[in-house]
Amino acid sequence: MNQFERDLRESLRRREPPADFAAKVLARTRDTEVRSVFSWRWLAVAALVALMVSGTLFIQKQQQQVENERSKEQLMVALRITGSKMKDVQDRLNAIQQRMVRLQGIQ
């Protein structure tokens, strides 16, 4: 038997656990449970904050879209009014030009 096999046999030999082994294991389990619950709470808080932030951003985006649509509609009305006024001016200019042509034809 070589040294490796002896070390392996020694490490696998049955030993009695220390007297307070069970208490230490139970204490560690409770600590892990407390940390686990604490971690879940922080995860829940983080998820809630993320939802609130994303919801707020979504609402702001929706409001911006509504405002953009309103501005677009106002621009379209302004362009229609401007087009109508420009047509009126063009009609007046055409009328003036026709009068001038008639007056030149008379002279």
N, C-alpha and C. Protein backbone atom coordinates (compact mmCIF):
# COMPACT_ATOMS: atom_id res chain seq x y z
N MET A 1 0.86 -1.17 0.00
CA MET A 1 0.00 0.00 0.00
C MET A 1 0.91 1.23 0.00
N ASN A 2 0.63 2.14 -0.91
CA ASN A 2 1.48 3.34 -0.98
C ASN A 2 0.91 4.44 -0.09
N GLN A 3 1.63 5.56 -0.05
CA GLN A 3 1.27 6.68 0.84
C GLN A 3 -0.11 7.26 0.50
N PHE A 4 -0.40 7.36 -0.80
CA PHE A 4 -1.69 7.90 -1.23
C PHE A 4 -2.84 7.07 -0.68
N GLU A 5 -2.75 5.77 -0.79
CA GLU A 5 -3.81 4.88 -0.30
C GLU A 5 -3.95 4.99 1.21
N ARG A 6 -2.83 5.11 1.93
CA ARG A 6 -2.89 5.27 3.39
C ARG A 6 -3.59 6.57 3.77
N ASP A 7 -3.24 7.65 3.06
CA ASP A 7 -3.87 8.96 3.34
C ASP A 7 -5.36 8.90 3.04
N LEU A 8 -5.71 8.25 1.95
CA LEU A 8 -7.12 8.12 1.58
C LEU A 8 -7.86 7.31 2.64
N ARG A 9 -7.29 6.19 3.07
CA ARG A 9 -7.93 5.34 4.08
C ARG A 9 -8.09 6.12 5.39
N GLU A 10 -7.07 6.90 5.75
CA GLU A 10 -7.12 7.69 6.99
C GLU A 10 -8.21 8.77 6.91
N SER A 11 -8.31 9.41 5.74
CA SER A 11 -9.31 10.47 5.62
C SER A 11 -10.73 9.92 5.58
N LEU A 12 -10.89 8.68 5.15
CA LEU A 12 -12.22 8.07 5.08
C LEU A 12 -12.59 7.30 6.35
N ARG A 13 -11.69 7.25 7.32
CA ARG A 13 -11.95 6.53 8.56
C ARG A 13 -13.08 7.21 9.34
N ARG A 14 -13.93 6.40 9.96
CA ARG A 14 -15.07 6.91 10.71
C ARG A 14 -14.57 7.57 11.98
N ARG A 15 -15.08 8.80 12.24
CA ARG A 15 -14.73 9.54 13.45
C ARG A 15 -16.02 10.05 14.10
N GLU A 16 -15.97 10.23 15.37
CA GLU A 16 -17.11 10.79 16.09
C GLU A 16 -17.10 12.31 15.91
N PRO A 17 -18.27 12.90 15.65
CA PRO A 17 -18.31 14.37 15.50
C PRO A 17 -18.14 15.04 16.86
N PRO A 18 -17.73 16.30 16.87
CA PRO A 18 -17.61 17.02 18.13
C PRO A 18 -18.96 17.09 18.84
N ALA A 19 -18.96 17.31 20.11
CA ALA A 19 -20.18 17.31 20.92
C ALA A 19 -21.16 18.39 20.48
N ASP A 20 -20.68 19.55 20.11
CA ASP A 20 -21.58 20.66 19.74
C ASP A 20 -21.83 20.73 18.23
N PHE A 21 -21.53 19.65 17.50
CA PHE A 21 -21.69 19.64 16.04
C PHE A 21 -23.14 19.92 15.62
N ALA A 22 -24.08 19.23 16.23
CA ALA A 22 -25.50 19.40 15.86
C ALA A 22 -25.96 20.82 16.13
N ALA A 23 -25.57 21.37 17.26
CA ALA A 23 -25.98 22.74 17.59
C ALA A 23 -25.41 23.73 16.59
N LYS A 24 -24.14 23.52 16.19
CA LYS A 24 -23.53 24.41 15.20
C LYS A 24 -24.24 24.33 13.85
N VAL A 25 -24.57 23.11 13.44
CA VAL A 25 -25.27 22.93 12.16
C VAL A 25 -26.63 23.61 12.21
N LEU A 26 -27.38 23.42 13.29
CA LEU A 26 -28.70 24.04 13.41
C LEU A 26 -28.60 25.57 13.45
N ALA A 27 -27.59 26.07 14.15
CA ALA A 27 -27.41 27.53 14.21
C ALA A 27 -27.10 28.08 12.83
N ARG A 28 -26.24 27.38 12.08
CA ARG A 28 -25.93 27.84 10.72
C ARG A 28 -27.14 27.79 9.82
N THR A 29 -27.98 26.77 10.00
CA THR A 29 -29.19 26.67 9.17
C THR A 29 -30.11 27.84 9.46
N ARG A 30 -30.27 28.18 10.73
CA ARG A 30 -31.12 29.32 11.08
C ARG A 30 -30.55 30.61 10.49
N ASP A 31 -29.23 30.80 10.58
CA ASP A 31 -28.60 31.99 9.99
C ASP A 31 -28.84 32.05 8.50
N THR A 32 -28.72 30.90 7.84
CA THR A 32 -28.95 30.83 6.39
C THR A 32 -30.39 31.17 6.07
N GLU A 33 -31.34 30.65 6.88
CA GLU A 33 -32.76 30.94 6.66
C GLU A 33 -33.02 32.43 6.82
N VAL A 34 -32.44 33.03 7.86
CA VAL A 34 -32.64 34.46 8.09
C VAL A 34 -32.06 35.25 6.93
N ARG A 35 -30.83 34.88 6.50
CA ARG A 35 -30.22 35.57 5.37
C ARG A 35 -31.04 35.36 4.10
N SER A 36 -31.59 34.15 3.95
CA SER A 36 -32.38 33.84 2.76
C SER A 36 -33.65 34.70 2.73
N VAL A 37 -34.36 34.78 3.86
CA VAL A 37 -35.57 35.61 3.94
C VAL A 37 -35.20 37.07 3.71
N PHE A 38 -34.10 37.50 4.32
CA PHE A 38 -33.62 38.87 4.16
C PHE A 38 -33.31 39.14 2.69
N SER A 39 -32.66 38.20 2.01
CA SER A 39 -32.34 38.34 0.59
C SER A 39 -33.61 38.43 -0.25
N TRP A 40 -34.58 37.57 0.06
CA TRP A 40 -35.84 37.60 -0.68
C TRP A 40 -36.56 38.92 -0.49
N ARG A 41 -36.50 39.45 0.70
CA ARG A 41 -37.15 40.75 0.94
C ARG A 41 -36.49 41.84 0.10
N TRP A 42 -35.14 41.84 0.10
CA TRP A 42 -34.44 42.85 -0.71
C TRP A 42 -34.72 42.66 -2.19
N LEU A 43 -34.80 41.41 -2.61
CA LEU A 43 -35.12 41.14 -4.01
C LEU A 43 -36.52 41.64 -4.34
N ALA A 44 -37.47 41.43 -3.44
CA ALA A 44 -38.84 41.90 -3.66
C ALA A 44 -38.88 43.43 -3.70
N VAL A 45 -38.14 44.07 -2.81
CA VAL A 45 -38.09 45.54 -2.80
C VAL A 45 -37.47 46.05 -4.10
N ALA A 46 -36.39 45.41 -4.54
CA ALA A 46 -35.74 45.82 -5.79
C ALA A 46 -36.69 45.65 -6.98
N ALA A 47 -37.42 44.54 -7.00
CA ALA A 47 -38.38 44.30 -8.09
C ALA A 47 -39.49 45.34 -8.06
N LEU A 48 -39.95 45.67 -6.87
CA LEU A 48 -41.00 46.67 -6.74
C LEU A 48 -40.52 48.04 -7.23
N VAL A 49 -39.31 48.41 -6.84
CA VAL A 49 -38.75 49.69 -7.29
C VAL A 49 -38.60 49.69 -8.81
N ALA A 50 -38.11 48.58 -9.37
CA ALA A 50 -37.96 48.48 -10.83
C ALA A 50 -39.30 48.62 -11.53
N LEU A 51 -40.34 47.99 -10.98
CA LEU A 51 -41.67 48.11 -11.56
C LEU A 51 -42.19 49.53 -11.49
N MET A 52 -41.96 50.18 -10.36
CA MET A 52 -42.42 51.56 -10.21
C MET A 52 -41.72 52.48 -11.20
N VAL A 53 -40.41 52.32 -11.34
CA VAL A 53 -39.64 53.16 -12.26
C VAL A 53 -40.09 52.92 -13.69
N SER A 54 -40.21 51.64 -14.07
CA SER A 54 -40.62 51.35 -15.44
C SER A 54 -42.06 51.81 -15.70
N GLY A 55 -42.94 51.68 -14.71
CA GLY A 55 -44.31 52.18 -14.86
C GLY A 55 -44.36 53.68 -15.03
N THR A 56 -43.55 54.37 -14.23
CA THR A 56 -43.48 55.83 -14.35
C THR A 56 -42.97 56.25 -15.72
N LEU A 57 -41.92 55.57 -16.19
CA LEU A 57 -41.38 55.89 -17.52
C LEU A 57 -42.41 55.60 -18.61
N PHE A 58 -43.15 54.52 -18.45
CA PHE A 58 -44.18 54.18 -19.44
C PHE A 58 -45.27 55.25 -19.49
N ILE A 59 -45.71 55.69 -18.31
CA ILE A 59 -46.75 56.73 -18.25
C ILE A 59 -46.24 58.03 -18.86
N GLN A 60 -44.98 58.38 -18.55
CA GLN A 60 -44.41 59.61 -19.13
C GLN A 60 -44.33 59.51 -20.65
N LYS A 61 -43.97 58.33 -21.15
CA LYS A 61 -43.89 58.14 -22.60
C LYS A 61 -45.28 58.28 -23.23
N GLN A 62 -46.28 57.71 -22.59
CA GLN A 62 -47.65 57.81 -23.10
C GLN A 62 -48.10 59.28 -23.12
N GLN A 63 -47.81 60.01 -22.04
CA GLN A 63 -48.20 61.42 -21.99
C GLN A 63 -47.47 62.22 -23.07
N GLN A 64 -46.20 61.90 -23.32
CA GLN A 64 -45.44 62.59 -24.36
C GLN A 64 -46.04 62.32 -25.73
N GLN A 65 -46.47 61.07 -25.96
CA GLN A 65 -47.09 60.74 -27.24
C GLN A 65 -48.40 61.50 -27.42
N VAL A 66 -49.19 61.62 -26.37
CA VAL A 66 -50.45 62.37 -26.45
C VAL A 66 -50.14 63.84 -26.76
N GLU A 67 -49.15 64.39 -26.08
CA GLU A 67 -48.76 65.79 -26.31
C GLU A 67 -48.25 65.97 -27.75
N ASN A 68 -47.49 65.01 -28.25
CA ASN A 68 -47.00 65.09 -29.63
C ASN A 68 -48.15 65.07 -30.62
N GLU A 69 -49.13 64.20 -30.38
CA GLU A 69 -50.30 64.14 -31.27
C GLU A 69 -51.08 65.45 -31.25
N ARG A 70 -51.23 66.03 -30.05
CA ARG A 70 -51.93 67.30 -29.92
C ARG A 70 -51.18 68.40 -30.69
N SER A 71 -49.87 68.43 -30.55
CA SER A 71 -49.06 69.42 -31.26
C SER A 71 -49.16 69.23 -32.76
N LYS A 72 -49.16 67.98 -33.20
CA LYS A 72 -49.28 67.69 -34.63
C LYS A 72 -50.62 68.20 -35.17
N GLU A 73 -51.67 67.94 -34.40
CA GLU A 73 -53.00 68.40 -34.84
C GLU A 73 -53.06 69.93 -34.91
N GLN A 74 -52.47 70.60 -33.91
CA GLN A 74 -52.44 72.06 -33.93
C GLN A 74 -51.64 72.58 -35.13
N LEU A 75 -50.56 71.92 -35.46
CA LEU A 75 -49.76 72.31 -36.62
C LEU A 75 -50.55 72.13 -37.90
N MET A 76 -51.27 71.04 -38.00
CA MET A 76 -52.07 70.80 -39.21
C MET A 76 -53.16 71.87 -39.35
N VAL A 77 -53.80 72.26 -38.26
CA VAL A 77 -54.81 73.33 -38.31
C VAL A 77 -54.16 74.64 -38.74
N ALA A 78 -52.99 74.94 -38.17
CA ALA A 78 -52.29 76.17 -38.53
C ALA A 78 -51.91 76.17 -40.00
N LEU A 79 -51.47 75.04 -40.52
CA LEU A 79 -51.12 74.96 -41.95
C LEU A 79 -52.35 75.11 -42.84
N ARG A 80 -53.47 74.55 -42.42
CA ARG A 80 -54.70 74.72 -43.21
C ARG A 80 -55.12 76.20 -43.23
N ILE A 81 -55.05 76.86 -42.08
CA ILE A 81 -55.40 78.28 -42.01
C ILE A 81 -54.45 79.08 -42.88
N THR A 82 -53.15 78.80 -42.77
CA THR A 82 -52.15 79.52 -43.58
C THR A 82 -52.40 79.29 -45.05
N GLY A 83 -52.69 78.06 -45.45
CA GLY A 83 -52.97 77.75 -46.85
C GLY A 83 -54.19 78.51 -47.34
N SER A 84 -55.22 78.58 -46.50
CA SER A 84 -56.44 79.30 -46.87
C SER A 84 -56.16 80.80 -47.05
N LYS A 85 -55.40 81.36 -46.11
CA LYS A 85 -55.07 82.79 -46.21
C LYS A 85 -54.21 83.07 -47.43
N MET A 86 -53.27 82.18 -47.72
CA MET A 86 -52.42 82.37 -48.89
C MET A 86 -53.24 82.28 -50.18
N LYS A 87 -54.25 81.41 -50.19
CA LYS A 87 -55.12 81.33 -51.37
C LYS A 87 -55.89 82.64 -51.53
N ASP A 88 -56.37 83.21 -50.41
CA ASP A 88 -57.05 84.51 -50.46
C ASP A 88 -56.14 85.59 -51.03
N VAL A 89 -54.90 85.62 -50.56
CA VAL A 89 -53.93 86.62 -51.05
C VAL A 89 -53.66 86.39 -52.53
N GLN A 90 -53.50 85.14 -52.93
CA GLN A 90 -53.26 84.82 -54.35
C GLN A 90 -54.44 85.25 -55.20
N ASP A 91 -55.65 85.02 -54.73
CA ASP A 91 -56.85 85.44 -55.47
C ASP A 91 -56.89 86.96 -55.62
N ARG A 92 -56.56 87.71 -54.55
CA ARG A 92 -56.54 89.17 -54.62
C ARG A 92 -55.47 89.66 -55.60
N LEU A 93 -54.29 89.03 -55.53
CA LEU A 93 -53.23 89.42 -56.45
C LEU A 93 -53.63 89.15 -57.90
N ASN A 94 -54.29 88.03 -58.15
CA ASN A 94 -54.76 87.72 -59.50
C ASN A 94 -55.81 88.74 -59.95
N ALA A 95 -56.69 89.13 -59.04
CA ALA A 95 -57.71 90.13 -59.38
C ALA A 95 -57.05 91.46 -59.72
N ILE A 96 -56.07 91.87 -58.93
CA ILE A 96 -55.36 93.13 -59.19
C ILE A 96 -54.65 93.06 -60.53
N GLN A 97 -54.01 91.93 -60.79
CA GLN A 97 -53.28 91.77 -62.04
C GLN A 97 -54.25 91.83 -63.23
N GLN A 98 -55.41 91.22 -63.12
CA GLN A 98 -56.38 91.25 -64.21
C GLN A 98 -56.88 92.68 -64.45
N ARG A 99 -57.09 93.44 -63.35
CA ARG A 99 -57.52 94.83 -63.50
C ARG A 99 -56.44 95.65 -64.20
N MET A 100 -55.20 95.40 -63.84
CA MET A 100 -54.11 96.14 -64.45
C MET A 100 -54.01 95.81 -65.94
N VAL A 101 -54.18 94.54 -66.28
CA VAL A 101 -54.12 94.15 -67.69
C VAL A 101 -55.26 94.81 -68.45
N ARG A 102 -56.46 94.86 -67.88
CA ARG A 102 -57.60 95.52 -68.53
C ARG A 102 -57.33 97.00 -68.69
N LEU A 103 -56.78 97.62 -67.65
CA LEU A 103 -56.49 99.05 -67.72
C LEU A 103 -55.43 99.33 -68.78
N GLN A 104 -54.45 98.48 -68.92
CA GLN A 104 -53.43 98.68 -69.94
C GLN A 104 -54.03 98.46 -71.31
N GLY A 105 -54.98 97.55 -71.42
CA GLY A 105 -55.64 97.31 -72.71
C GLY A 105 -56.53 98.48 -73.11
N ILE A 106 -57.06 99.21 -72.14
CA ILE A 106 -57.92 100.35 -72.43
C ILE A 106 -57.08 101.52 -72.89
N GLN A 107 -55.91 101.66 -72.35
CA GLN A 107 -55.09 102.84 -72.69
C GLN A 107 -54.45 102.67 -73.98
